[in-house]
N, C-alpha and C. Protein backbone atom coordinates (compact mmCIF):
# COMPACT_ATOMS: atom_id res chain seq x y z
N UNK A 1 -24.15 18.67 -0.68
CA UNK A 1 -23.12 18.53 -1.73
C UNK A 1 -22.26 19.77 -1.64
N UNK A 2 -20.93 19.54 -1.56
CA UNK A 2 -20.01 20.67 -1.54
C UNK A 2 -19.65 21.12 -2.94
N UNK A 3 -19.55 22.38 -3.17
CA UNK A 3 -19.11 22.87 -4.45
C UNK A 3 -17.54 22.77 -4.49
N UNK A 4 -16.93 22.84 -5.68
CA UNK A 4 -15.50 22.82 -5.80
C UNK A 4 -14.86 23.95 -4.98
N UNK A 5 -15.43 25.12 -5.03
CA UNK A 5 -14.94 26.25 -4.29
C UNK A 5 -14.94 25.98 -2.77
N UNK A 6 -16.04 25.34 -2.23
CA UNK A 6 -16.10 25.00 -0.85
C UNK A 6 -14.98 23.99 -0.46
N UNK A 7 -14.72 23.01 -1.36
CA UNK A 7 -13.71 21.99 -1.07
C UNK A 7 -12.29 22.62 -1.10
N UNK A 8 -12.05 23.57 -2.01
CA UNK A 8 -10.78 24.21 -2.07
C UNK A 8 -10.49 25.01 -0.81
N UNK A 9 -11.47 25.74 -0.37
CA UNK A 9 -11.35 26.50 0.89
C UNK A 9 -11.25 25.59 2.13
N UNK A 10 -11.98 24.51 2.11
CA UNK A 10 -11.96 23.60 3.25
C UNK A 10 -10.58 23.04 3.51
N UNK A 11 -9.81 22.75 2.44
CA UNK A 11 -8.53 22.14 2.61
C UNK A 11 -7.38 23.09 2.60
N UNK A 12 -7.66 24.41 2.56
CA UNK A 12 -6.64 25.42 2.65
C UNK A 12 -6.19 25.65 4.00
N UNK A 13 -4.96 25.37 4.31
CA UNK A 13 -4.37 25.45 5.69
C UNK A 13 -3.40 26.61 5.77
N UNK A 14 -3.54 27.44 6.78
CA UNK A 14 -2.66 28.56 6.96
C UNK A 14 -1.20 28.07 7.12
N UNK A 15 -0.36 28.69 6.35
CA UNK A 15 1.12 28.46 6.42
C UNK A 15 1.54 27.04 6.01
N UNK A 16 0.67 26.21 5.50
CA UNK A 16 1.03 24.89 4.99
C UNK A 16 1.01 24.95 3.49
N UNK A 17 2.22 25.13 2.89
CA UNK A 17 2.24 25.40 1.45
C UNK A 17 2.41 24.11 0.59
N UNK A 18 3.33 23.24 0.99
CA UNK A 18 3.54 22.02 0.22
C UNK A 18 2.69 20.88 0.62
N UNK A 19 2.39 20.80 1.92
CA UNK A 19 1.56 19.61 2.40
C UNK A 19 1.06 20.01 3.79
N UNK A 20 -0.05 19.38 4.20
CA UNK A 20 -0.60 19.59 5.57
C UNK A 20 0.30 18.99 6.65
N UNK A 21 0.12 19.36 7.84
CA UNK A 21 0.88 18.78 8.95
C UNK A 21 0.84 17.28 9.10
N UNK A 22 -0.30 16.70 8.78
CA UNK A 22 -0.52 15.21 8.91
C UNK A 22 -0.34 14.43 7.66
N UNK A 23 0.39 15.04 6.67
CA UNK A 23 0.55 14.42 5.37
C UNK A 23 1.34 13.10 5.44
N UNK A 24 0.86 12.10 4.70
CA UNK A 24 1.49 10.73 4.69
C UNK A 24 1.79 10.47 3.22
N UNK A 25 3.05 10.74 2.81
CA UNK A 25 3.46 10.56 1.43
C UNK A 25 3.30 9.09 0.93
N UNK A 26 3.66 8.17 1.83
CA UNK A 26 3.59 6.74 1.46
C UNK A 26 2.11 6.30 1.18
N UNK A 27 1.20 6.79 2.06
CA UNK A 27 -0.17 6.49 1.86
C UNK A 27 -0.69 7.03 0.52
N UNK A 28 -0.36 8.29 0.24
CA UNK A 28 -0.80 8.89 -1.06
C UNK A 28 -0.24 8.04 -2.23
N UNK A 29 1.00 7.73 -2.18
CA UNK A 29 1.60 6.98 -3.32
C UNK A 29 0.97 5.55 -3.40
N UNK A 30 0.66 4.97 -2.33
CA UNK A 30 0.04 3.62 -2.37
C UNK A 30 -1.39 3.68 -3.00
N UNK A 31 -2.12 4.68 -2.51
CA UNK A 31 -3.50 4.86 -3.04
C UNK A 31 -3.47 5.20 -4.53
N UNK A 32 -2.51 6.04 -4.95
CA UNK A 32 -2.44 6.49 -6.35
C UNK A 32 -1.93 5.28 -7.22
N UNK A 33 -1.11 4.43 -6.65
CA UNK A 33 -0.64 3.31 -7.43
C UNK A 33 -1.74 2.35 -7.80
N UNK A 34 -2.64 2.19 -6.90
CA UNK A 34 -3.88 1.32 -7.16
C UNK A 34 -4.66 1.92 -8.41
N UNK A 35 -4.84 3.26 -8.38
CA UNK A 35 -5.50 3.90 -9.56
C UNK A 35 -4.70 3.76 -10.82
N UNK A 36 -3.37 3.95 -10.66
CA UNK A 36 -2.54 3.72 -11.82
C UNK A 36 -2.72 2.37 -12.53
N UNK A 37 -2.72 1.28 -11.71
CA UNK A 37 -3.03 -0.04 -12.26
C UNK A 37 -4.36 -0.13 -12.94
N UNK A 38 -5.36 0.42 -12.28
CA UNK A 38 -6.74 0.38 -12.81
C UNK A 38 -6.83 1.12 -14.11
N UNK A 39 -6.24 2.35 -14.11
CA UNK A 39 -6.21 3.11 -15.30
C UNK A 39 -5.57 2.44 -16.50
N UNK A 40 -4.48 1.82 -16.26
CA UNK A 40 -3.78 1.00 -17.33
C UNK A 40 -4.69 -0.02 -17.90
N UNK A 41 -5.39 -0.77 -17.00
CA UNK A 41 -6.33 -1.79 -17.49
C UNK A 41 -7.43 -1.22 -18.24
N UNK A 42 -8.14 -0.13 -17.72
CA UNK A 42 -9.30 0.43 -18.29
C UNK A 42 -9.01 1.12 -19.63
N UNK A 43 -7.83 1.86 -19.67
CA UNK A 43 -7.49 2.61 -20.91
C UNK A 43 -6.73 1.77 -21.87
N UNK A 44 -6.24 0.63 -21.45
CA UNK A 44 -5.59 -0.31 -22.40
C UNK A 44 -4.22 0.14 -22.85
N UNK A 45 -3.50 0.89 -21.99
CA UNK A 45 -2.12 1.30 -22.38
C UNK A 45 -1.30 1.54 -21.15
N UNK A 46 0.03 1.53 -21.33
CA UNK A 46 0.89 1.82 -20.16
C UNK A 46 0.94 3.27 -19.91
N UNK A 47 0.99 3.63 -18.61
CA UNK A 47 1.02 5.00 -18.13
C UNK A 47 2.15 5.18 -17.16
N UNK A 48 2.85 6.24 -17.25
CA UNK A 48 3.96 6.49 -16.35
C UNK A 48 3.46 7.00 -14.99
N UNK A 49 4.01 6.49 -13.93
CA UNK A 49 3.70 6.86 -12.58
C UNK A 49 4.85 7.61 -12.02
N UNK A 50 4.62 8.87 -11.56
CA UNK A 50 5.63 9.68 -10.99
C UNK A 50 5.32 9.94 -9.54
N UNK A 51 6.15 9.41 -8.65
CA UNK A 51 5.96 9.62 -7.21
C UNK A 51 6.56 10.89 -6.73
N UNK A 52 6.62 11.05 -5.44
CA UNK A 52 7.08 12.21 -4.80
C UNK A 52 8.50 12.60 -5.11
N UNK A 53 9.30 11.69 -5.44
CA UNK A 53 10.76 12.04 -5.72
C UNK A 53 10.84 12.92 -7.03
N UNK A 54 9.83 12.86 -7.90
CA UNK A 54 9.81 13.65 -9.11
C UNK A 54 9.14 14.96 -8.92
N UNK A 55 8.35 15.12 -7.82
CA UNK A 55 7.57 16.34 -7.68
C UNK A 55 7.81 16.97 -6.34
N UNK A 56 9.02 17.35 -6.10
CA UNK A 56 9.37 18.02 -4.88
C UNK A 56 9.11 19.52 -5.01
N UNK A 57 9.02 20.16 -3.87
CA UNK A 57 8.74 21.62 -3.83
C UNK A 57 7.40 21.99 -4.62
N UNK A 58 6.43 21.15 -4.32
CA UNK A 58 5.10 21.30 -5.02
C UNK A 58 3.98 21.04 -4.02
N UNK A 59 2.80 21.44 -4.42
CA UNK A 59 1.59 21.23 -3.66
C UNK A 59 0.91 19.88 -4.04
N UNK A 60 1.58 19.15 -4.90
CA UNK A 60 1.13 17.80 -5.29
C UNK A 60 2.35 16.89 -5.24
N UNK A 61 2.15 15.59 -5.08
CA UNK A 61 3.33 14.68 -4.95
C UNK A 61 3.30 13.63 -6.07
N UNK A 62 2.15 13.19 -6.52
CA UNK A 62 2.04 12.12 -7.43
C UNK A 62 1.36 12.59 -8.76
N UNK A 63 1.88 12.10 -9.83
CA UNK A 63 1.22 12.33 -11.11
C UNK A 63 1.22 11.01 -11.91
N UNK A 64 0.15 10.81 -12.64
CA UNK A 64 0.12 9.69 -13.58
C UNK A 64 0.04 10.39 -15.00
N UNK A 65 0.95 10.09 -15.77
CA UNK A 65 1.02 10.62 -17.18
C UNK A 65 0.06 9.84 -18.08
N UNK A 66 -0.97 10.58 -18.55
CA UNK A 66 -1.99 10.01 -19.40
C UNK A 66 -1.52 10.18 -20.84
N UNK A 67 -1.25 9.05 -21.50
CA UNK A 67 -0.65 9.15 -22.85
C UNK A 67 -1.61 8.45 -23.85
N UNK A 68 -1.27 8.72 -25.09
CA UNK A 68 -1.98 8.05 -26.20
C UNK A 68 -0.99 7.70 -27.33
N UNK A 69 -1.37 6.66 -28.06
CA UNK A 69 -0.49 6.21 -29.16
C UNK A 69 -0.76 7.07 -30.39
N UNK A 70 0.33 7.68 -30.91
CA UNK A 70 0.24 8.48 -32.13
C UNK A 70 1.29 7.88 -33.06
N UNK A 71 0.88 7.18 -34.03
CA UNK A 71 1.81 6.48 -34.94
C UNK A 71 2.58 5.41 -34.14
N UNK A 72 3.89 5.45 -34.23
CA UNK A 72 4.70 4.45 -33.59
C UNK A 72 5.06 4.81 -32.13
N UNK A 73 4.76 6.01 -31.69
CA UNK A 73 5.14 6.42 -30.37
C UNK A 73 3.98 6.88 -29.48
N UNK A 74 4.30 7.05 -28.22
CA UNK A 74 3.30 7.53 -27.24
C UNK A 74 3.54 8.97 -27.03
N UNK A 75 2.44 9.77 -26.90
CA UNK A 75 2.58 11.19 -26.58
C UNK A 75 1.74 11.51 -25.32
N UNK A 76 2.18 12.46 -24.56
CA UNK A 76 1.46 12.80 -23.33
C UNK A 76 0.24 13.69 -23.67
N UNK A 77 -0.91 13.25 -23.18
CA UNK A 77 -2.14 14.07 -23.30
C UNK A 77 -2.19 15.06 -22.16
N UNK A 78 -1.94 14.56 -20.92
CA UNK A 78 -1.89 15.42 -19.79
C UNK A 78 -1.51 14.55 -18.59
N UNK A 79 -1.41 15.13 -17.45
CA UNK A 79 -1.15 14.40 -16.20
C UNK A 79 -2.36 14.44 -15.32
N UNK A 80 -2.61 13.33 -14.60
CA UNK A 80 -3.56 13.31 -13.50
C UNK A 80 -2.68 13.58 -12.20
N UNK A 81 -2.95 14.68 -11.58
CA UNK A 81 -2.15 15.07 -10.44
C UNK A 81 -2.97 14.87 -9.17
N UNK A 82 -2.21 14.40 -8.15
CA UNK A 82 -2.81 14.12 -6.87
C UNK A 82 -2.22 15.12 -5.82
N UNK A 83 -3.13 16.01 -5.39
CA UNK A 83 -2.68 17.04 -4.45
C UNK A 83 -2.30 16.46 -3.13
N UNK A 84 -1.45 17.14 -2.39
CA UNK A 84 -1.01 16.72 -1.07
C UNK A 84 -2.13 17.08 -0.04
N UNK A 85 -3.14 17.84 -0.47
CA UNK A 85 -4.19 18.25 0.44
C UNK A 85 -5.54 17.63 0.02
N UNK A 86 -6.20 16.99 1.01
CA UNK A 86 -7.64 16.66 0.92
C UNK A 86 -7.99 15.63 -0.20
N UNK A 87 -7.08 14.74 -0.62
CA UNK A 87 -7.41 13.76 -1.65
C UNK A 87 -8.02 14.39 -2.92
N UNK A 88 -7.52 15.59 -3.24
CA UNK A 88 -7.98 16.26 -4.51
C UNK A 88 -7.09 15.80 -5.70
N UNK A 89 -7.77 15.66 -6.82
CA UNK A 89 -7.07 15.31 -8.12
C UNK A 89 -7.61 16.21 -9.17
N UNK A 90 -6.76 16.52 -10.13
CA UNK A 90 -7.09 17.28 -11.33
C UNK A 90 -6.18 16.89 -12.48
N UNK A 91 -6.64 17.24 -13.70
CA UNK A 91 -5.85 17.00 -14.91
C UNK A 91 -5.18 18.32 -15.32
N UNK A 92 -3.98 18.16 -16.00
CA UNK A 92 -3.24 19.32 -16.37
C UNK A 92 -3.71 20.03 -17.66
N UNK A 93 -4.51 19.36 -18.47
CA UNK A 93 -4.95 19.87 -19.69
C UNK A 93 -6.46 20.26 -19.67
N UNK A 94 -6.75 21.57 -19.73
CA UNK A 94 -8.16 21.89 -19.53
C UNK A 94 -9.02 21.46 -20.77
N UNK A 95 -8.35 21.21 -21.92
CA UNK A 95 -9.14 20.68 -23.07
C UNK A 95 -9.50 19.22 -22.86
N UNK A 96 -8.68 18.49 -22.12
CA UNK A 96 -8.94 17.10 -21.77
C UNK A 96 -10.06 17.01 -20.70
N UNK A 97 -10.04 17.97 -19.79
CA UNK A 97 -10.95 18.06 -18.63
C UNK A 97 -12.41 18.07 -19.27
N UNK A 98 -13.24 17.12 -18.87
CA UNK A 98 -14.60 17.05 -19.42
C UNK A 98 -14.82 16.07 -20.52
N UNK A 99 -13.67 15.58 -21.12
CA UNK A 99 -13.75 14.62 -22.22
C UNK A 99 -14.33 13.30 -21.66
N UNK A 100 -14.74 12.43 -22.58
CA UNK A 100 -15.25 11.10 -22.14
C UNK A 100 -14.21 10.28 -21.43
N UNK A 101 -12.95 10.34 -21.88
CA UNK A 101 -11.91 9.61 -21.24
C UNK A 101 -11.62 10.25 -19.88
N UNK A 102 -11.64 11.53 -19.78
CA UNK A 102 -11.39 12.23 -18.48
C UNK A 102 -12.46 11.85 -17.48
N UNK A 103 -13.72 11.74 -17.94
CA UNK A 103 -14.78 11.37 -17.02
C UNK A 103 -14.52 9.96 -16.52
N UNK A 104 -14.02 9.05 -17.29
CA UNK A 104 -13.65 7.69 -16.87
C UNK A 104 -12.54 7.71 -15.84
N UNK A 105 -11.50 8.51 -16.16
CA UNK A 105 -10.33 8.68 -15.19
C UNK A 105 -10.84 9.20 -13.87
N UNK A 106 -11.70 10.24 -13.90
CA UNK A 106 -12.26 10.80 -12.63
C UNK A 106 -13.11 9.85 -11.90
N UNK A 107 -13.91 9.08 -12.65
CA UNK A 107 -14.70 8.06 -11.89
C UNK A 107 -13.86 6.99 -11.21
N UNK A 108 -12.79 6.60 -11.83
CA UNK A 108 -11.88 5.62 -11.18
C UNK A 108 -11.32 6.25 -9.92
N UNK A 109 -10.87 7.50 -10.05
CA UNK A 109 -10.34 8.25 -8.89
C UNK A 109 -11.40 8.37 -7.75
N UNK A 110 -12.59 8.64 -8.16
CA UNK A 110 -13.68 8.75 -7.09
C UNK A 110 -13.90 7.46 -6.40
N UNK A 111 -13.88 6.31 -7.12
CA UNK A 111 -14.09 5.01 -6.48
C UNK A 111 -13.07 4.75 -5.42
N UNK A 112 -11.91 5.39 -5.55
CA UNK A 112 -10.82 5.16 -4.56
C UNK A 112 -10.65 6.33 -3.57
N UNK A 113 -11.71 7.11 -3.43
CA UNK A 113 -11.73 8.18 -2.44
C UNK A 113 -11.15 9.50 -2.76
N UNK A 114 -10.87 9.67 -4.01
CA UNK A 114 -10.27 10.97 -4.44
C UNK A 114 -11.41 11.90 -4.95
N UNK A 115 -11.21 13.18 -4.88
CA UNK A 115 -12.17 14.17 -5.31
C UNK A 115 -11.67 14.95 -6.47
N UNK A 116 -12.22 14.71 -7.68
CA UNK A 116 -11.82 15.49 -8.88
C UNK A 116 -12.26 16.95 -8.78
N UNK A 117 -11.34 17.85 -9.13
CA UNK A 117 -11.61 19.22 -9.14
C UNK A 117 -11.53 19.73 -10.64
N UNK A 118 -12.56 20.33 -11.16
CA UNK A 118 -12.51 20.79 -12.58
C UNK A 118 -11.61 22.04 -12.78
N UNK A 119 -11.13 22.21 -13.93
CA UNK A 119 -10.25 23.34 -14.23
C UNK A 119 -10.90 24.74 -13.96
N UNK A 120 -12.18 24.83 -14.27
CA UNK A 120 -12.78 26.14 -14.05
C UNK A 120 -12.78 26.60 -12.60
N UNK A 121 -12.70 25.67 -11.70
CA UNK A 121 -12.61 26.04 -10.21
C UNK A 121 -11.22 26.42 -9.87
N UNK A 122 -10.23 25.84 -10.60
CA UNK A 122 -8.81 26.08 -10.26
C UNK A 122 -8.22 27.26 -11.01
N UNK A 123 -8.72 27.61 -12.12
CA UNK A 123 -8.20 28.66 -12.94
C UNK A 123 -8.84 29.99 -12.48
N UNK A 124 -8.84 30.23 -11.19
CA UNK A 124 -9.39 31.44 -10.60
C UNK A 124 -8.26 32.08 -9.67
N UNK A 125 -8.30 33.34 -9.50
CA UNK A 125 -7.40 33.98 -8.57
C UNK A 125 -7.57 33.34 -7.21
N UNK A 126 -6.40 33.10 -6.54
CA UNK A 126 -6.43 32.55 -5.20
C UNK A 126 -6.94 33.59 -4.21
N UNK A 127 -7.89 33.31 -3.45
CA UNK A 127 -8.48 34.17 -2.48
C UNK A 127 -8.55 33.52 -1.08
N UNK A 128 -7.67 32.59 -0.85
CA UNK A 128 -7.68 31.81 0.39
C UNK A 128 -6.96 32.48 1.52
N UNK A 129 -6.76 31.69 2.60
CA UNK A 129 -6.22 32.21 3.87
C UNK A 129 -4.71 32.49 3.87
N UNK A 130 -4.07 32.13 2.83
CA UNK A 130 -2.63 32.30 2.75
C UNK A 130 -2.20 33.59 1.93
N UNK A 131 -3.12 34.53 1.88
CA UNK A 131 -2.84 35.83 1.32
C UNK A 131 -2.20 35.78 -0.05
N UNK A 132 -1.03 36.49 -0.23
CA UNK A 132 -0.43 36.67 -1.55
C UNK A 132 0.54 35.51 -1.87
N UNK A 133 0.50 34.36 -1.24
CA UNK A 133 1.44 33.32 -1.45
C UNK A 133 1.25 32.64 -2.81
N UNK A 134 -0.05 32.40 -3.20
CA UNK A 134 -0.38 31.72 -4.43
C UNK A 134 -1.13 32.66 -5.37
N UNK A 135 -0.87 32.54 -6.67
CA UNK A 135 -1.62 33.37 -7.64
C UNK A 135 -2.97 32.81 -8.00
N UNK A 136 -3.03 31.48 -8.12
CA UNK A 136 -4.29 30.83 -8.49
C UNK A 136 -4.52 29.60 -7.57
N UNK A 137 -5.79 29.10 -7.60
CA UNK A 137 -6.08 27.89 -6.90
C UNK A 137 -5.36 26.71 -7.48
N UNK A 138 -5.09 26.71 -8.84
CA UNK A 138 -4.31 25.64 -9.45
C UNK A 138 -2.91 25.50 -8.76
N UNK A 139 -2.25 26.64 -8.58
CA UNK A 139 -0.94 26.64 -7.98
C UNK A 139 -1.06 26.15 -6.53
N UNK A 140 -2.11 26.59 -5.83
CA UNK A 140 -2.33 26.16 -4.45
C UNK A 140 -2.24 24.68 -4.26
N UNK A 141 -2.92 23.96 -5.17
CA UNK A 141 -3.05 22.51 -4.98
C UNK A 141 -2.39 21.60 -5.98
N UNK A 142 -1.97 22.09 -7.13
CA UNK A 142 -1.54 21.17 -8.22
C UNK A 142 -0.29 21.63 -8.96
N UNK A 143 0.57 22.42 -8.35
CA UNK A 143 1.70 22.96 -9.17
C UNK A 143 2.92 23.03 -8.23
N UNK A 144 4.07 23.34 -8.93
CA UNK A 144 5.27 23.52 -8.27
C UNK A 144 5.24 24.92 -7.65
N UNK A 145 5.89 25.05 -6.49
CA UNK A 145 5.86 26.36 -5.75
C UNK A 145 7.12 27.14 -5.94
C-alpha cells in the first residue's frame, strides 16, 4: 500500500508543471464526466462540471462543483478537483474532507480509477524534484500556477 506522500512523489515529474508529457485532456474529461453523472445520481442534486477550458494554467484540468441547497438557492461546498498527474483527486475544503459525503464522493472516484489524496498530505511544504517552483503539494497538483 502506497502512502499519500509516496503517491505525490511518484507522480512528480521534473520540469512538467501543468501536465505530464503524455497527458490526454480528452480522456481525463471523459472519465471525470462519468463520475459527474454518478455523483449527481448518488447525491441527488445537480452539480456543475468545469472542464479544461475553465482551468487553464493549472496543475488540474477538471473540477466538479459540489453544492448543497440552502433555502431557495444552491451554494458551493467545495470542488472535487482532478489533477493532470496520476489520476489524483482532492477536495478544496479541508473541513469537507473526511465528512460522510466526502467519503462517498471519494469512493465513487476510486471505483473509476482515481486516487483520493487527503488535505493533510497536500497542506505540506513542497519538497519534490522541481525545487522552488511550488510552495505546497496542493499547488503542485490541484491549483492554478
